Amino acid sequence: MRWDNLFDDLEGQLEQELDAEELDLQAEEERLRLGRLSLRDRLLAIHETDPGASIRLVLADGDTLSVHPATIGRDWMSGDLLDGSTRRAQCLLPVAAISSLLLTPEQVTDSLEATDAAASDHGLSGRLGLGFVLRDLCRRRRAVDLRLAGTTPGGVTLHGTIDRVGRDHLDIAVHEADSPRRRTAVTQYRVVPLAQLLVVRL
């Protein structure tokens, strides 16, 4: 009878050790999964879980914006800028310009459910970089407001038309908002590093 108790006790200990080892393995796998998440993955997970939600974010210059995402690309996000006005302005934000996200508890949970980066790159927009989108705006000759990082609060805002986009910079012809891009209307030509872009407002 004592042998039966001994074997039952050993079997129970073995099961506990196997369960603890399984839990440790699951915890390690979860730590590895979370370690692979990028900021883009978390933005994409929030957007896919609740497409109607807006996201509050802080830019590199400290300014806080609310954006209703429309598309999340490889290193950029586009959407409607919710600034309290009756007319929603469209904007384009480099992910690198985001200093932090101000999330609700639900959005934190949703963002952590992100899939692997490879699985979240579905669709064409997930493979397109910021330079491609800026080249499209250049080709369409769209007038834009470029908000740049600067030493003053709110940075520097330029209104104009993008003339060309290089690998790590763009050229903008600065002109008044109510005038089309004509040589006589251009007040200056600027070459802007893409790393200085905070918001492109359309």
Protein backbone atom coordinates (compact mmCIF):
# COMPACT_ATOMS: atom_id res chain seq x y z
CA MET A 1 0.00 0.00 0.00
CA ARG A 2 2.86 2.37 0.80
CA TRP A 3 4.35 1.71 -2.65
CA ASP A 4 1.07 2.82 -4.24
CA ASN A 5 1.16 6.05 -2.23
CA LEU A 6 4.79 6.60 -3.19
CA PHE A 7 4.09 6.13 -6.91
CA ASP A 8 1.02 8.38 -6.71
CA ASP A 9 3.11 11.04 -4.98
CA LEU A 10 5.90 10.77 -7.59
CA GLU A 11 3.37 10.92 -10.42
CA GLY A 12 1.79 14.05 -8.91
CA GLN A 13 5.20 15.73 -8.54
CA LEU A 14 6.11 14.87 -12.15
CA GLU A 15 2.84 16.31 -13.43
CA GLN A 16 3.40 19.52 -11.45
CA GLU A 17 6.93 19.85 -12.82
CA LEU A 18 5.72 19.26 -16.39
CA ASP A 19 2.92 21.81 -15.94
CA ALA A 20 5.35 24.37 -14.50
CA GLU A 21 7.77 23.72 -17.38
CA GLU A 22 4.93 24.18 -19.90
CA LEU A 23 3.89 27.46 -18.24
CA ASP A 24 7.51 28.69 -18.29
CA LEU A 25 7.76 27.79 -21.98
CA GLN A 26 4.53 29.64 -22.79
CA ALA A 27 5.69 32.70 -20.83
CA GLU A 28 9.03 32.70 -22.68
CA GLU A 29 7.27 32.39 -26.05
CA GLU A 30 5.03 35.32 -25.14
CA ARG A 31 8.07 37.42 -24.10
CA LEU A 32 9.70 36.61 -27.45
CA ARG A 33 6.51 37.51 -29.36
CA LEU A 34 6.21 40.83 -27.55
CA GLY A 35 9.91 41.50 -28.14
CA ARG A 36 9.33 41.29 -31.90
CA LEU A 37 6.43 43.80 -31.92
CA SER A 38 7.13 47.14 -33.54
CA LEU A 39 5.25 50.40 -32.99
CA ARG A 40 3.78 49.94 -36.47
CA ASP A 41 2.52 46.45 -35.51
CA ARG A 42 0.75 47.88 -32.48
CA LEU A 43 -0.82 50.73 -34.49
CA LEU A 44 -1.99 48.23 -37.09
CA ALA A 45 -3.48 45.93 -34.45
CA ILE A 46 -5.48 48.80 -32.91
CA HIS A 47 -6.71 49.87 -36.34
CA GLU A 48 -7.69 46.34 -37.41
CA THR A 49 -9.44 45.57 -34.11
CA ASP A 50 -11.46 48.81 -34.08
CA PRO A 51 -11.33 50.59 -37.48
CA GLY A 52 -13.54 53.42 -36.19
CA ALA A 53 -11.28 54.31 -33.26
CA SER A 54 -9.07 57.36 -33.11
CA ILE A 55 -5.55 57.21 -31.70
CA ARG A 56 -4.00 59.95 -29.59
CA LEU A 57 -0.30 60.36 -30.11
CA VAL A 58 2.50 62.67 -29.11
CA LEU A 59 4.86 63.93 -31.81
CA ALA A 60 8.61 64.29 -31.46
CA ASP A 61 8.14 68.02 -30.74
CA GLY A 62 5.78 67.29 -27.81
CA ASP A 63 2.53 68.25 -29.54
CA THR A 64 -0.46 65.90 -29.05
CA LEU A 65 -2.69 64.90 -31.98
CA SER A 66 -5.77 62.74 -32.41
CA VAL A 67 -5.83 60.79 -35.66
CA HIS A 68 -8.42 58.46 -37.12
CA PRO A 69 -6.16 56.07 -39.10
CA ALA A 70 -7.10 55.19 -42.67
CA THR A 71 -3.98 53.37 -43.88
CA ILE A 72 -0.85 52.15 -42.13
CA GLY A 73 2.14 51.67 -44.39
CA ARG A 74 5.60 50.29 -43.80
CA ASP A 75 6.90 53.39 -42.00
CA TRP A 76 3.99 55.84 -42.17
CA MET A 77 0.35 56.29 -41.27
CA SER A 78 -2.36 58.30 -43.00
CA GLY A 79 -5.73 59.34 -41.68
CA ASP A 80 -8.04 62.13 -40.63
CA LEU A 81 -6.62 64.71 -38.27
CA LEU A 82 -9.18 65.36 -35.52
CA ASP A 83 -8.43 68.91 -34.47
CA GLY A 84 -11.89 70.05 -33.38
CA SER A 85 -12.74 71.80 -36.66
CA THR A 86 -15.85 70.87 -38.62
CA ARG A 87 -13.76 69.87 -41.63
CA ARG A 88 -11.53 66.86 -41.18
CA ALA A 89 -8.08 67.40 -42.61
CA GLN A 90 -6.17 64.45 -44.02
CA CYS A 91 -2.65 63.91 -42.87
CA LEU A 92 0.36 61.69 -43.35
CA LEU A 93 2.64 60.89 -40.39
CA PRO A 94 6.00 59.16 -40.45
CA VAL A 95 6.06 56.52 -37.70
CA ALA A 96 9.50 57.88 -36.73
CA ALA A 97 7.85 61.24 -35.86
CA ILE A 98 5.73 59.61 -33.15
CA SER A 99 7.20 60.12 -29.68
CA SER A 100 4.55 58.11 -27.83
CA LEU A 101 0.99 56.77 -28.01
CA LEU A 102 -1.66 57.78 -25.47
CA LEU A 103 -3.85 54.68 -25.41
CA THR A 104 -6.97 53.63 -23.56
CA PRO A 105 -6.76 50.37 -21.57
CA GLU A 106 -8.73 48.65 -24.36
CA GLN A 107 -6.33 49.95 -27.01
CA VAL A 108 -3.34 48.69 -24.99
CA THR A 109 -4.89 45.21 -24.94
CA ASP A 110 -5.78 45.36 -28.64
CA SER A 111 -2.29 46.55 -29.58
CA LEU A 112 -0.66 43.61 -27.84
CA GLU A 113 -2.69 41.16 -29.91
CA ALA A 114 -0.66 42.14 -32.97
CA THR A 115 0.39 39.31 -35.21
CA ASP A 116 3.95 38.76 -36.40
CA ALA A 117 5.30 41.58 -38.58
CA ALA A 118 5.35 39.34 -41.65
CA ALA A 119 1.68 38.46 -41.23
CA SER A 120 0.71 42.10 -40.70
CA ASP A 121 2.36 43.24 -43.94
CA HIS A 122 -0.58 42.06 -45.99
CA GLY A 123 -1.70 44.32 -48.79
CA LEU A 124 0.21 46.76 -50.92
CA SER A 125 0.20 49.62 -48.40
CA GLY A 126 2.09 47.49 -45.86
CA ARG A 127 5.02 47.26 -48.26
CA LEU A 128 5.09 50.89 -49.40
CA GLY A 129 7.51 53.28 -47.73
CA LEU A 130 7.07 56.97 -46.93
CA GLY A 131 9.14 58.02 -49.96
CA PHE A 132 6.71 56.28 -52.34
CA VAL A 133 3.70 58.11 -50.86
CA LEU A 134 5.51 61.46 -51.00
CA ARG A 135 6.47 60.81 -54.65
CA ASP A 136 2.79 60.21 -55.40
CA LEU A 137 1.89 63.58 -53.84
CA CYS A 138 4.68 65.15 -55.90
CA ARG A 139 3.37 63.56 -59.10
CA ARG A 140 -0.16 64.81 -58.37
CA ARG A 141 1.19 68.33 -57.63
CA ARG A 142 -0.83 68.45 -54.40
CA ALA A 143 -0.31 71.50 -52.22
CA VAL A 144 0.63 70.41 -48.70
CA ASP A 145 1.51 71.80 -45.29
CA LEU A 146 4.74 70.30 -44.02
CA ARG A 147 5.21 70.46 -40.29
CA LEU A 148 8.88 70.12 -39.47
CA ALA A 149 10.73 69.52 -36.23
CA GLY A 150 12.21 72.73 -34.94
CA THR A 151 13.54 74.47 -31.89
CA THR A 152 10.27 76.32 -31.25
CA PRO A 153 7.14 74.64 -29.85
CA GLY A 154 5.01 73.39 -32.75
CA GLY A 155 8.03 73.31 -35.02
CA VAL A 156 7.99 75.01 -38.41
CA THR A 157 5.14 74.76 -40.93
CA LEU A 158 5.72 75.29 -44.64
CA HIS A 159 2.99 75.49 -47.27
CA GLY A 160 3.89 74.58 -50.79
CA THR A 161 4.18 71.94 -53.48
CA ILE A 162 6.62 69.05 -53.41
CA ASP A 163 8.87 69.31 -56.47
CA ARG A 164 10.87 66.09 -56.03
CA VAL A 165 11.59 63.36 -53.50
CA GLY A 166 15.01 61.81 -53.00
CA ARG A 167 15.99 58.81 -50.92
CA ASP A 168 16.16 60.74 -47.64
CA HIS A 169 14.92 64.24 -48.49
CA LEU A 170 12.40 66.22 -50.50
CA ASP A 171 12.35 69.56 -52.31
CA ILE A 172 9.41 71.86 -51.63
CA ALA A 173 8.52 75.06 -53.46
CA VAL A 174 7.08 77.31 -50.75
CA HIS A 175 4.15 79.52 -51.77
CA GLU A 176 1.00 81.07 -50.31
CA ALA A 177 -1.87 78.71 -49.51
CA ASP A 178 -4.32 80.52 -51.80
CA SER A 179 -2.08 80.53 -54.86
CA PRO A 180 -1.09 77.69 -57.20
CA ARG A 181 2.54 76.71 -57.64
CA ARG A 182 3.84 79.18 -60.22
CA ARG A 183 7.40 80.40 -60.50
CA THR A 184 6.26 83.92 -59.65
CA ALA A 185 4.34 82.71 -56.56
CA VAL A 186 7.22 80.70 -55.07
CA THR A 187 8.90 82.56 -52.21
CA GLN A 188 11.65 79.98 -51.59
CA TYR A 189 12.86 76.50 -52.42
CA ARG A 190 13.72 74.23 -49.52
CA VAL A 191 15.42 70.86 -49.33
CA VAL A 192 14.05 69.05 -46.28
CA PRO A 193 15.46 65.83 -44.76
CA LEU A 194 12.67 63.28 -44.34
CA ALA A 195 13.85 62.76 -40.77
CA GLN A 196 12.61 66.30 -39.98
CA LEU A 197 9.02 65.61 -41.12
CA LEU A 198 6.45 65.47 -38.34
CA VAL A 199 3.16 65.81 -40.24
CA VAL A 200 2.21 66.24 -43.88
CA ARG A 201 -1.21 67.87 -43.95
CA LEU A 202 -3.18 67.60 -47.20
